mmCIF file of all heavy atoms, coordinates in Angstrom:
data_MODEL
# 
_entry.id   MODEL 
# 
loop_
_atom_site.group_PDB 
_atom_site.id 
_atom_site.type_symbol 
_atom_site.label_atom_id 
_atom_site.label_alt_id 
_atom_site.label_comp_id 
_atom_site.label_asym_id 
_atom_site.label_entity_id 
_atom_site.label_seq_id 
_atom_site.pdbx_PDB_ins_code 
_atom_site.Cartn_x 
_atom_site.Cartn_y 
_atom_site.Cartn_z 
_atom_site.occupancy 
_atom_site.B_iso_or_equiv 
_atom_site.pdbx_formal_charge 
_atom_site.auth_seq_id 
_atom_site.auth_comp_id 
_atom_site.auth_asym_id 
_atom_site.auth_atom_id 
_atom_site.pdbx_PDB_model_num 
ATOM 1   N N   . VAL A 1 1  ? -5.573  5.272   28.925 1.00 0.00 ? 1  VAL A N   1 
ATOM 2   C CA  . VAL A 1 1  ? -5.220  5.388   30.341 1.00 0.00 ? 1  VAL A CA  1 
ATOM 3   C C   . VAL A 1 1  ? -3.754  5.780   30.504 1.00 0.00 ? 1  VAL A C   1 
ATOM 4   O O   . VAL A 1 1  ? -3.403  6.596   31.359 1.00 0.00 ? 1  VAL A O   1 
ATOM 5   C CB  . VAL A 1 1  ? -5.522  4.071   31.087 1.00 0.00 ? 1  VAL A CB  1 
ATOM 6   C CG1 . VAL A 1 1  ? -4.961  4.100   32.511 1.00 0.00 ? 1  VAL A CG1 1 
ATOM 7   C CG2 . VAL A 1 1  ? -7.024  3.811   31.126 1.00 0.00 ? 1  VAL A CG2 1 
ATOM 8   N N   . GLY A 1 2  ? -2.882  5.202   29.683 1.00 0.00 ? 2  GLY A N   1 
ATOM 9   C CA  . GLY A 1 2  ? -1.450  5.456   29.798 1.00 0.00 ? 2  GLY A CA  1 
ATOM 10  C C   . GLY A 1 2  ? -0.949  6.622   28.984 1.00 0.00 ? 2  GLY A C   1 
ATOM 11  O O   . GLY A 1 2  ? 0.242   6.952   29.033 1.00 0.00 ? 2  GLY A O   1 
ATOM 12  N N   . SER A 1 3  ? -1.847  7.262   28.208 1.00 0.00 ? 3  SER A N   1 
ATOM 13  C CA  . SER A 1 3  ? -1.475  8.380   27.325 1.00 0.00 ? 3  SER A CA  1 
ATOM 14  C C   . SER A 1 3  ? -0.286  7.996   26.436 1.00 0.00 ? 3  SER A C   1 
ATOM 15  O O   . SER A 1 3  ? 0.755   8.668   26.419 1.00 0.00 ? 3  SER A O   1 
ATOM 16  C CB  . SER A 1 3  ? -1.128  9.635   28.153 1.00 0.00 ? 3  SER A CB  1 
ATOM 17  O OG  . SER A 1 3  ? -2.227  10.024  28.930 1.00 0.00 ? 3  SER A OG  1 
ATOM 18  N N   . LEU A 1 4  ? -0.451  6.912   25.702 1.00 0.00 ? 4  LEU A N   1 
ATOM 19  C CA  . LEU A 1 4  ? 0.601   6.448   24.795 1.00 0.00 ? 4  LEU A CA  1 
ATOM 20  C C   . LEU A 1 4  ? -0.017  5.687   23.632 1.00 0.00 ? 4  LEU A C   1 
ATOM 21  O O   . LEU A 1 4  ? -1.218  5.410   23.636 1.00 0.00 ? 4  LEU A O   1 
ATOM 22  C CB  . LEU A 1 4  ? 1.599   5.547   25.533 1.00 0.00 ? 4  LEU A CB  1 
ATOM 23  C CG  . LEU A 1 4  ? 1.213   4.076   25.787 1.00 0.00 ? 4  LEU A CG  1 
ATOM 24  C CD1 . LEU A 1 4  ? 2.442   3.265   26.124 1.00 0.00 ? 4  LEU A CD1 1 
ATOM 25  C CD2 . LEU A 1 4  ? 0.181   3.940   26.878 1.00 0.00 ? 4  LEU A CD2 1 
ATOM 26  N N   . GLU A 1 5  ? 0.806   5.404   22.633 1.00 0.00 ? 5  GLU A N   1 
ATOM 27  C CA  . GLU A 1 5  ? 0.358   4.612   21.491 1.00 0.00 ? 5  GLU A CA  1 
ATOM 28  C C   . GLU A 1 5  ? 1.105   3.285   21.500 1.00 0.00 ? 5  GLU A C   1 
ATOM 29  O O   . GLU A 1 5  ? 2.315   3.244   21.356 1.00 0.00 ? 5  GLU A O   1 
ATOM 30  C CB  . GLU A 1 5  ? 0.630   5.358   20.182 1.00 0.00 ? 5  GLU A CB  1 
ATOM 31  C CG  . GLU A 1 5  ? 0.055   4.666   18.965 1.00 0.00 ? 5  GLU A CG  1 
ATOM 32  C CD  . GLU A 1 5  ? 0.223   5.494   17.709 1.00 0.00 ? 5  GLU A CD  1 
ATOM 33  O OE1 . GLU A 1 5  ? 1.386   5.722   17.304 1.00 0.00 ? 5  GLU A OE1 1 
ATOM 34  O OE2 . GLU A 1 5  ? -0.796  5.923   17.130 1.00 0.00 ? 5  GLU A OE2 1 
ATOM 35  N N   . ILE A 1 6  ? 0.353   2.213   21.677 1.00 0.00 ? 6  ILE A N   1 
ATOM 36  C CA  . ILE A 1 6  ? 0.951   0.880   21.728 1.00 0.00 ? 6  ILE A CA  1 
ATOM 37  C C   . ILE A 1 6  ? 0.951   0.250   20.341 1.00 0.00 ? 6  ILE A C   1 
ATOM 38  O O   . ILE A 1 6  ? 1.940   -0.329  19.905 1.00 0.00 ? 6  ILE A O   1 
ATOM 39  C CB  . ILE A 1 6  ? 0.200   -0.011  22.744 1.00 0.00 ? 6  ILE A CB  1 
ATOM 40  C CG1 . ILE A 1 6  ? 0.349   0.570   24.167 1.00 0.00 ? 6  ILE A CG1 1 
ATOM 41  C CG2 . ILE A 1 6  ? 0.724   -1.453  22.702 1.00 0.00 ? 6  ILE A CG2 1 
ATOM 42  C CD1 . ILE A 1 6  ? -0.487  -0.122  25.224 1.00 0.00 ? 6  ILE A CD1 1 
ATOM 43  N N   . ILE A 1 7  ? -0.159  0.366   19.634 1.00 0.00 ? 7  ILE A N   1 
ATOM 44  C CA  . ILE A 1 7  ? -0.252  -0.199  18.281 1.00 0.00 ? 7  ILE A CA  1 
ATOM 45  C C   . ILE A 1 7  ? -0.483  0.938   17.292 1.00 0.00 ? 7  ILE A C   1 
ATOM 46  O O   . ILE A 1 7  ? -1.573  1.513   17.220 1.00 0.00 ? 7  ILE A O   1 
ATOM 47  C CB  . ILE A 1 7  ? -1.373  -1.251  18.189 1.00 0.00 ? 7  ILE A CB  1 
ATOM 48  C CG1 . ILE A 1 7  ? -1.068  -2.426  19.124 1.00 0.00 ? 7  ILE A CG1 1 
ATOM 49  C CG2 . ILE A 1 7  ? -1.531  -1.742  16.753 1.00 0.00 ? 7  ILE A CG2 1 
ATOM 50  C CD1 . ILE A 1 7  ? -2.065  -3.547  19.088 1.00 0.00 ? 7  ILE A CD1 1 
ATOM 51  N N   . ASP A 1 8  ? 0.558   1.255   16.547 1.00 0.00 ? 8  ASP A N   1 
ATOM 52  C CA  . ASP A 1 8  ? 0.519   2.323   15.546 1.00 0.00 ? 8  ASP A CA  1 
ATOM 53  C C   . ASP A 1 8  ? -0.191  1.797   14.295 1.00 0.00 ? 8  ASP A C   1 
ATOM 54  O O   . ASP A 1 8  ? 0.285   0.849   13.653 1.00 0.00 ? 8  ASP A O   1 
ATOM 55  C CB  . ASP A 1 8  ? 1.959   2.734   15.214 1.00 0.00 ? 8  ASP A CB  1 
ATOM 56  C CG  . ASP A 1 8  ? 2.030   3.893   14.238 1.00 0.00 ? 8  ASP A CG  1 
ATOM 57  O OD1 . ASP A 1 8  ? 1.056   4.117   13.500 1.00 0.00 ? 8  ASP A OD1 1 
ATOM 58  O OD2 . ASP A 1 8  ? 3.079   4.564   14.208 1.00 0.00 ? 8  ASP A OD2 1 
ATOM 59  N N   . PRO A 1 9  ? -1.337  2.402   13.912 1.00 0.00 ? 9  PRO A N   1 
ATOM 60  C CA  . PRO A 1 9  ? -2.074  1.901   12.738 1.00 0.00 ? 9  PRO A CA  1 
ATOM 61  C C   . PRO A 1 9  ? -1.305  2.033   11.431 1.00 0.00 ? 9  PRO A C   1 
ATOM 62  O O   . PRO A 1 9  ? -1.597  1.316   10.472 1.00 0.00 ? 9  PRO A O   1 
ATOM 63  C CB  . PRO A 1 9  ? -3.342  2.767   12.725 1.00 0.00 ? 9  PRO A CB  1 
ATOM 64  C CG  . PRO A 1 9  ? -3.011  3.967   13.542 1.00 0.00 ? 9  PRO A CG  1 
ATOM 65  C CD  . PRO A 1 9  ? -2.017  3.515   14.566 1.00 0.00 ? 9  PRO A CD  1 
ATOM 66  N N   . PHE A 1 10 ? -0.299  2.905   11.394 1.00 0.00 ? 10 PHE A N   1 
ATOM 67  C CA  . PHE A 1 10 ? 0.499   3.065   10.174 1.00 0.00 ? 10 PHE A CA  1 
ATOM 68  C C   . PHE A 1 10 ? 1.590   1.994   10.078 1.00 0.00 ? 10 PHE A C   1 
ATOM 69  O O   . PHE A 1 10 ? 1.948   1.553   8.989  1.00 0.00 ? 10 PHE A O   1 
ATOM 70  C CB  . PHE A 1 10 ? 1.104   4.465   10.116 1.00 0.00 ? 10 PHE A CB  1 
ATOM 71  C CG  . PHE A 1 10 ? 0.075   5.552   10.020 1.00 0.00 ? 10 PHE A CG  1 
ATOM 72  C CD1 . PHE A 1 10 ? -0.262  6.309   11.132 1.00 0.00 ? 10 PHE A CD1 1 
ATOM 73  C CD2 . PHE A 1 10 ? -0.585  5.789   8.825  1.00 0.00 ? 10 PHE A CD2 1 
ATOM 74  C CE1 . PHE A 1 10 ? -1.230  7.306   11.047 1.00 0.00 ? 10 PHE A CE1 1 
ATOM 75  C CE2 . PHE A 1 10 ? -1.556  6.774   8.727  1.00 0.00 ? 10 PHE A CE2 1 
ATOM 76  C CZ  . PHE A 1 10 ? -1.884  7.535   9.844  1.00 0.00 ? 10 PHE A CZ  1 
ATOM 77  N N   . LYS A 1 11 ? 2.104   1.576   11.239 1.00 0.00 ? 11 LYS A N   1 
ATOM 78  C CA  . LYS A 1 11 ? 3.112   0.519   11.240 1.00 0.00 ? 11 LYS A CA  1 
ATOM 79  C C   . LYS A 1 11 ? 2.485   -0.864  11.124 1.00 0.00 ? 11 LYS A C   1 
ATOM 80  O O   . LYS A 1 11 ? 3.090   -1.789  10.579 1.00 0.00 ? 11 LYS A O   1 
ATOM 81  C CB  . LYS A 1 11 ? 3.934   0.590   12.532 1.00 0.00 ? 11 LYS A CB  1 
ATOM 82  C CG  . LYS A 1 11 ? 4.912   1.736   12.600 1.00 0.00 ? 11 LYS A CG  1 
ATOM 83  C CD  . LYS A 1 11 ? 5.726   1.669   13.890 1.00 0.00 ? 11 LYS A CD  1 
ATOM 84  C CE  . LYS A 1 11 ? 6.720   2.819   13.967 1.00 0.00 ? 11 LYS A CE  1 
ATOM 85  N NZ  . LYS A 1 11 ? 7.450   2.819   15.267 1.00 0.00 ? 11 LYS A NZ  1 
ATOM 86  N N   . TYR A 1 12 ? 1.281   -0.996  11.668 1.00 0.00 ? 12 TYR A N   1 
ATOM 87  C CA  . TYR A 1 12 ? 0.608   -2.305  11.703 1.00 0.00 ? 12 TYR A CA  1 
ATOM 88  C C   . TYR A 1 12 ? -0.796  -2.186  11.108 1.00 0.00 ? 12 TYR A C   1 
ATOM 89  O O   . TYR A 1 12 ? -1.796  -2.429  11.785 1.00 0.00 ? 12 TYR A O   1 
ATOM 90  C CB  . TYR A 1 12 ? 0.531   -2.828  13.141 1.00 0.00 ? 12 TYR A CB  1 
ATOM 91  C CG  . TYR A 1 12 ? 1.819   -2.683  13.932 1.00 0.00 ? 12 TYR A CG  1 
ATOM 92  C CD1 . TYR A 1 12 ? 1.909   -1.787  14.997 1.00 0.00 ? 12 TYR A CD1 1 
ATOM 93  C CD2 . TYR A 1 12 ? 2.940   -3.441  13.610 1.00 0.00 ? 12 TYR A CD2 1 
ATOM 94  C CE1 . TYR A 1 12 ? 3.082   -1.656  15.728 1.00 0.00 ? 12 TYR A CE1 1 
ATOM 95  C CE2 . TYR A 1 12 ? 4.120   -3.302  14.328 1.00 0.00 ? 12 TYR A CE2 1 
ATOM 96  C CZ  . TYR A 1 12 ? 4.181   -2.407  15.383 1.00 0.00 ? 12 TYR A CZ  1 
ATOM 97  O OH  . TYR A 1 12 ? 5.351   -2.264  16.102 1.00 0.00 ? 12 TYR A OH  1 
ATOM 98  N N   . PRO A 1 13 ? -0.906  -1.821  9.825  1.00 0.00 ? 13 PRO A N   1 
ATOM 99  C CA  . PRO A 1 13 ? -2.233  -1.593  9.228  1.00 0.00 ? 13 PRO A CA  1 
ATOM 100 C C   . PRO A 1 13 ? -3.112  -2.846  9.174  1.00 0.00 ? 13 PRO A C   1 
ATOM 101 O O   . PRO A 1 13 ? -4.324  -2.761  9.391  1.00 0.00 ? 13 PRO A O   1 
ATOM 102 C CB  . PRO A 1 13 ? -1.908  -1.088  7.816  1.00 0.00 ? 13 PRO A CB  1 
ATOM 103 C CG  . PRO A 1 13 ? -0.511  -1.571  7.543  1.00 0.00 ? 13 PRO A CG  1 
ATOM 104 C CD  . PRO A 1 13 ? 0.182   -1.571  8.866  1.00 0.00 ? 13 PRO A CD  1 
ATOM 105 N N   . ALA A 1 14 ? -2.509  -3.998  8.893  1.00 0.00 ? 14 ALA A N   1 
ATOM 106 C CA  . ALA A 1 14 ? -3.298  -5.231  8.818  1.00 0.00 ? 14 ALA A CA  1 
ATOM 107 C C   . ALA A 1 14 ? -3.834  -5.619  10.197 1.00 0.00 ? 14 ALA A C   1 
ATOM 108 O O   . ALA A 1 14 ? -4.983  -6.059  10.334 1.00 0.00 ? 14 ALA A O   1 
ATOM 109 C CB  . ALA A 1 14 ? -2.450  -6.365  8.237  1.00 0.00 ? 14 ALA A CB  1 
ATOM 110 N N   . THR A 1 15 ? -2.999  -5.427  11.220 1.00 0.00 ? 15 THR A N   1 
ATOM 111 C CA  . THR A 1 15 ? -3.432  -5.715  12.588 1.00 0.00 ? 15 THR A CA  1 
ATOM 112 C C   . THR A 1 15 ? -4.547  -4.762  12.992 1.00 0.00 ? 15 THR A C   1 
ATOM 113 O O   . THR A 1 15 ? -5.535  -5.175  13.626 1.00 0.00 ? 15 THR A O   1 
ATOM 114 C CB  . THR A 1 15 ? -2.248  -5.569  13.571 1.00 0.00 ? 15 THR A CB  1 
ATOM 115 O OG1 . THR A 1 15 ? -1.203  -6.452  13.166 1.00 0.00 ? 15 THR A OG1 1 
ATOM 116 C CG2 . THR A 1 15 ? -2.672  -5.885  14.993 1.00 0.00 ? 15 THR A CG2 1 
ATOM 117 N N   . TYR A 1 16 ? -4.418  -3.496  12.633 1.00 0.00 ? 16 TYR A N   1 
ATOM 118 C CA  . TYR A 1 16 ? -5.410  -2.496  12.987 1.00 0.00 ? 16 TYR A CA  1 
ATOM 119 C C   . TYR A 1 16 ? -6.758  -2.811  12.317 1.00 0.00 ? 16 TYR A C   1 
ATOM 120 O O   . TYR A 1 16 ? -7.821  -2.687  12.946 1.00 0.00 ? 16 TYR A O   1 
ATOM 121 C CB  . TYR A 1 16 ? -4.920  -1.112  12.575 1.00 0.00 ? 16 TYR A CB  1 
ATOM 122 C CG  . TYR A 1 16 ? -5.630  0.013   13.272 1.00 0.00 ? 16 TYR A CG  1 
ATOM 123 C CD1 . TYR A 1 16 ? -5.347  0.324   14.603 1.00 0.00 ? 16 TYR A CD1 1 
ATOM 124 C CD2 . TYR A 1 16 ? -6.594  0.771   12.604 1.00 0.00 ? 16 TYR A CD2 1 
ATOM 125 C CE1 . TYR A 1 16 ? -6.003  1.358   15.251 1.00 0.00 ? 16 TYR A CE1 1 
ATOM 126 C CE2 . TYR A 1 16 ? -7.252  1.808   13.251 1.00 0.00 ? 16 TYR A CE2 1 
ATOM 127 C CZ  . TYR A 1 16 ? -6.956  2.092   14.569 1.00 0.00 ? 16 TYR A CZ  1 
ATOM 128 O OH  . TYR A 1 16 ? -7.611  3.116   15.206 1.00 0.00 ? 16 TYR A OH  1 
ATOM 129 N N   . THR A 1 17 ? -6.725  -3.243  11.060 1.00 0.00 ? 17 THR A N   1 
ATOM 130 C CA  . THR A 1 17 ? -7.951  -3.625  10.352 1.00 0.00 ? 17 THR A CA  1 
ATOM 131 C C   . THR A 1 17 ? -8.579  -4.845  11.023 1.00 0.00 ? 17 THR A C   1 
ATOM 132 O O   . THR A 1 17 ? -9.792  -4.905  11.229 1.00 0.00 ? 17 THR A O   1 
ATOM 133 C CB  . THR A 1 17 ? -7.648  -3.941  8.872  1.00 0.00 ? 17 THR A CB  1 
ATOM 134 O OG1 . THR A 1 17 ? -7.108  -2.775  8.256  1.00 0.00 ? 17 THR A OG1 1 
ATOM 135 C CG2 . THR A 1 17 ? -8.894  -4.377  8.132  1.00 0.00 ? 17 THR A CG2 1 
ATOM 136 N N   . TRP A 1 18 ? -7.732  -5.822  11.377 1.00 0.00 ? 18 TRP A N   1 
ATOM 137 C CA  . TRP A 1 18 ? -8.236  -7.012  12.086 1.00 0.00 ? 18 TRP A CA  1 
ATOM 138 C C   . TRP A 1 18 ? -8.887  -6.628  13.401 1.00 0.00 ? 18 TRP A C   1 
ATOM 139 O O   . TRP A 1 18 ? -9.946  -7.173  13.763 1.00 0.00 ? 18 TRP A O   1 
ATOM 140 C CB  . TRP A 1 18 ? -7.082  -7.996  12.344 1.00 0.00 ? 18 TRP A CB  1 
ATOM 141 C CG  . TRP A 1 18 ? -7.442  -9.021  13.363 1.00 0.00 ? 18 TRP A CG  1 
ATOM 142 C CD1 . TRP A 1 18 ? -8.195  -10.148 13.172 1.00 0.00 ? 18 TRP A CD1 1 
ATOM 143 C CD2 . TRP A 1 18 ? -7.084  -9.010  14.756 1.00 0.00 ? 18 TRP A CD2 1 
ATOM 144 N NE1 . TRP A 1 18 ? -8.337  -10.831 14.356 1.00 0.00 ? 18 TRP A NE1 1 
ATOM 145 C CE2 . TRP A 1 18 ? -7.665  -10.154 15.340 1.00 0.00 ? 18 TRP A CE2 1 
ATOM 146 C CE3 . TRP A 1 18 ? -6.334  -8.144  15.552 1.00 0.00 ? 18 TRP A CE3 1 
ATOM 147 C CZ2 . TRP A 1 18 ? -7.514  -10.460 16.692 1.00 0.00 ? 18 TRP A CZ2 1 
ATOM 148 C CZ3 . TRP A 1 18 ? -6.181  -8.434  16.903 1.00 0.00 ? 18 TRP A CZ3 1 
ATOM 149 C CH2 . TRP A 1 18 ? -6.773  -9.578  17.459 1.00 0.00 ? 18 TRP A CH2 1 
ATOM 150 N N   . MET A 1 19 ? -8.277  -5.697  14.151 1.00 0.00 ? 19 MET A N   1 
ATOM 151 C CA  . MET A 1 19 ? -8.848  -5.263  15.431 1.00 0.00 ? 19 MET A CA  1 
ATOM 152 C C   . MET A 1 19 ? -10.277 -4.763  15.236 1.00 0.00 ? 19 MET A C   1 
ATOM 153 O O   . MET A 1 19 ? -11.182 -5.117  16.002 1.00 0.00 ? 19 MET A O   1 
ATOM 154 C CB  . MET A 1 19 ? -7.986  -4.156  16.051 1.00 0.00 ? 19 MET A CB  1 
ATOM 155 C CG  . MET A 1 19 ? -6.657  -4.647  16.588 1.00 0.00 ? 19 MET A CG  1 
ATOM 156 S SD  . MET A 1 19 ? -5.500  -3.281  16.983 1.00 0.00 ? 19 MET A SD  1 
ATOM 157 C CE  . MET A 1 19 ? -6.373  -2.467  18.328 1.00 0.00 ? 19 MET A CE  1 
ATOM 158 N N   . ASN A 1 20 ? -10.486 -3.969  14.201 1.00 0.00 ? 20 ASN A N   1 
ATOM 159 C CA  . ASN A 1 20 ? -11.826 -3.443  13.923 1.00 0.00 ? 20 ASN A CA  1 
ATOM 160 C C   . ASN A 1 20 ? -12.786 -4.545  13.491 1.00 0.00 ? 20 ASN A C   1 
ATOM 161 O O   . ASN A 1 20 ? -13.950 -4.561  13.910 1.00 0.00 ? 20 ASN A O   1 
ATOM 162 C CB  . ASN A 1 20 ? -11.751 -2.350  12.853 1.00 0.00 ? 20 ASN A CB  1 
ATOM 163 C CG  . ASN A 1 20 ? -11.163 -1.057  13.400 1.00 0.00 ? 20 ASN A CG  1 
ATOM 164 O OD1 . ASN A 1 20 ? -11.527 -0.611  14.479 1.00 0.00 ? 20 ASN A OD1 1 
ATOM 165 N ND2 . ASN A 1 20 ? -10.245 -0.456  12.661 1.00 0.00 ? 20 ASN A ND2 1 
ATOM 166 N N   . ASN A 1 21 ? -12.297 -5.464  12.656 1.00 0.00 ? 21 ASN A N   1 
ATOM 167 C CA  . ASN A 1 21 ? -13.138 -6.591  12.230 1.00 0.00 ? 21 ASN A CA  1 
ATOM 168 C C   . ASN A 1 21 ? -13.585 -7.424  13.432 1.00 0.00 ? 21 ASN A C   1 
ATOM 169 O O   . ASN A 1 21 ? -14.749 -7.830  13.533 1.00 0.00 ? 21 ASN A O   1 
ATOM 170 C CB  . ASN A 1 21 ? -12.377 -7.489  11.251 1.00 0.00 ? 21 ASN A CB  1 
ATOM 171 C CG  . ASN A 1 21 ? -12.171 -6.839  9.895  1.00 0.00 ? 21 ASN A CG  1 
ATOM 172 O OD1 . ASN A 1 21 ? -12.920 -5.942  9.515  1.00 0.00 ? 21 ASN A OD1 1 
ATOM 173 N ND2 . ASN A 1 21 ? -11.161 -7.286  9.177  1.00 0.00 ? 21 ASN A ND2 1 
ATOM 174 N N   . PHE A 1 22 ? -12.649 -7.667  14.337 1.00 0.00 ? 22 PHE A N   1 
ATOM 175 C CA  . PHE A 1 22 ? -12.948 -8.527  15.492 1.00 0.00 ? 22 PHE A CA  1 
ATOM 176 C C   . PHE A 1 22 ? -13.913 -7.848  16.452 1.00 0.00 ? 22 PHE A C   1 
ATOM 177 O O   . PHE A 1 22 ? -14.934 -8.420  16.830 1.00 0.00 ? 22 PHE A O   1 
ATOM 178 C CB  . PHE A 1 22 ? -11.653 -8.900  16.218 1.00 0.00 ? 22 PHE A CB  1 
ATOM 179 C CG  . PHE A 1 22 ? -11.871 -9.887  17.332 1.00 0.00 ? 22 PHE A CG  1 
ATOM 180 C CD1 . PHE A 1 22 ? -11.925 -11.246 17.065 1.00 0.00 ? 22 PHE A CD1 1 
ATOM 181 C CD2 . PHE A 1 22 ? -12.023 -9.457  18.642 1.00 0.00 ? 22 PHE A CD2 1 
ATOM 182 C CE1 . PHE A 1 22 ? -12.142 -12.168 18.085 1.00 0.00 ? 22 PHE A CE1 1 
ATOM 183 C CE2 . PHE A 1 22 ? -12.236 -10.361 19.677 1.00 0.00 ? 22 PHE A CE2 1 
ATOM 184 C CZ  . PHE A 1 22 ? -12.297 -11.727 19.398 1.00 0.00 ? 22 PHE A CZ  1 
ATOM 185 N N   . VAL A 1 23 ? -13.589 -6.622  16.842 1.00 0.00 ? 23 VAL A N   1 
ATOM 186 C CA  . VAL A 1 23 ? -14.380 -5.956  17.881 1.00 0.00 ? 23 VAL A CA  1 
ATOM 187 C C   . VAL A 1 23 ? -15.791 -5.605  17.388 1.00 0.00 ? 23 VAL A C   1 
ATOM 188 O O   . VAL A 1 23 ? -16.710 -5.434  18.194 1.00 0.00 ? 23 VAL A O   1 
ATOM 189 C CB  . VAL A 1 23 ? -13.635 -4.696  18.385 1.00 0.00 ? 23 VAL A CB  1 
ATOM 190 C CG1 . VAL A 1 23 ? -13.833 -3.503  17.467 1.00 0.00 ? 23 VAL A CG1 1 
ATOM 191 C CG2 . VAL A 1 23 ? -14.031 -4.361  19.811 1.00 0.00 ? 23 VAL A CG2 1 
ATOM 192 N N   . ASN A 1 24 ? -15.972 -5.534  16.073 1.00 0.00 ? 24 ASN A N   1 
ATOM 193 C CA  . ASN A 1 24 ? -17.290 -5.200  15.522 1.00 0.00 ? 24 ASN A CA  1 
ATOM 194 C C   . ASN A 1 24 ? -18.112 -6.420  15.134 1.00 0.00 ? 24 ASN A C   1 
ATOM 195 O O   . ASN A 1 24 ? -19.248 -6.272  14.658 1.00 0.00 ? 24 ASN A O   1 
ATOM 196 C CB  . ASN A 1 24 ? -17.148 -4.259  14.323 1.00 0.00 ? 24 ASN A CB  1 
ATOM 197 C CG  . ASN A 1 24 ? -16.765 -2.853  14.753 1.00 0.00 ? 24 ASN A CG  1 
ATOM 198 O OD1 . ASN A 1 24 ? -17.424 -2.265  15.603 1.00 0.00 ? 24 ASN A OD1 1 
ATOM 199 N ND2 . ASN A 1 24 ? -15.691 -2.311  14.188 1.00 0.00 ? 24 ASN A ND2 1 
ATOM 200 N N   . ASN A 1 25 ? -17.551 -7.611  15.333 1.00 0.00 ? 25 ASN A N   1 
ATOM 201 C CA  . ASN A 1 25 ? -18.349 -8.820  15.129 1.00 0.00 ? 25 ASN A CA  1 
ATOM 202 C C   . ASN A 1 25 ? -19.493 -8.824  16.150 1.00 0.00 ? 25 ASN A C   1 
ATOM 203 O O   . ASN A 1 25 ? -19.243 -8.622  17.349 1.00 0.00 ? 25 ASN A O   1 
ATOM 204 C CB  . ASN A 1 25 ? -17.471 -10.055 15.295 1.00 0.00 ? 25 ASN A CB  1 
ATOM 205 C CG  . ASN A 1 25 ? -18.245 -11.335 15.139 1.00 0.00 ? 25 ASN A CG  1 
ATOM 206 O OD1 . ASN A 1 25 ? -18.920 -11.783 16.066 1.00 0.00 ? 25 ASN A OD1 1 
ATOM 207 N ND2 . ASN A 1 25 ? -18.147 -11.957 13.982 1.00 0.00 ? 25 ASN A ND2 1 
ATOM 208 N N   . PRO A 1 26 ? -20.735 -9.044  15.739 1.00 0.00 ? 26 PRO A N   1 
ATOM 209 C CA  . PRO A 1 26 ? -21.868 -8.942  16.666 1.00 0.00 ? 26 PRO A CA  1 
ATOM 210 C C   . PRO A 1 26 ? -21.749 -9.832  17.905 1.00 0.00 ? 26 PRO A C   1 
ATOM 211 O O   . PRO A 1 26 ? -22.114 -9.414  19.014 1.00 0.00 ? 26 PRO A O   1 
ATOM 212 C CB  . PRO A 1 26 ? -23.066 -9.359  15.808 1.00 0.00 ? 26 PRO A CB  1 
ATOM 213 C CG  . PRO A 1 26 ? -22.652 -9.066  14.405 1.00 0.00 ? 26 PRO A CG  1 
ATOM 214 C CD  . PRO A 1 26 ? -21.173 -9.313  14.361 1.00 0.00 ? 26 PRO A CD  1 
ATOM 215 N N   . ILE A 1 27 ? -21.240 -11.043 17.740 1.00 0.00 ? 27 ILE A N   1 
ATOM 216 C CA  . ILE A 1 27 ? -21.101 -11.956 18.880 1.00 0.00 ? 27 ILE A CA  1 
ATOM 217 C C   . ILE A 1 27 ? -20.086 -11.410 19.878 1.00 0.00 ? 27 ILE A C   1 
ATOM 218 O O   . ILE A 1 27 ? -20.300 -11.447 21.091 1.00 0.00 ? 27 ILE A O   1 
ATOM 219 C CB  . ILE A 1 27 ? -20.703 -13.364 18.404 1.00 0.00 ? 27 ILE A CB  1 
ATOM 220 C CG1 . ILE A 1 27 ? -21.872 -14.016 17.672 1.00 0.00 ? 27 ILE A CG1 1 
ATOM 221 C CG2 . ILE A 1 27 ? -20.253 -14.243 19.580 1.00 0.00 ? 27 ILE A CG2 1 
ATOM 222 C CD1 . ILE A 1 27 ? -21.566 -15.363 17.063 1.00 0.00 ? 27 ILE A CD1 1 
# 
């Protein structure tokens, strides 16, 4: 929506991996 990058996956790779783990949990 804002046309920007808030969380850079290269600067925060562990956070980015966690984001995917969390959002893809079935519950």
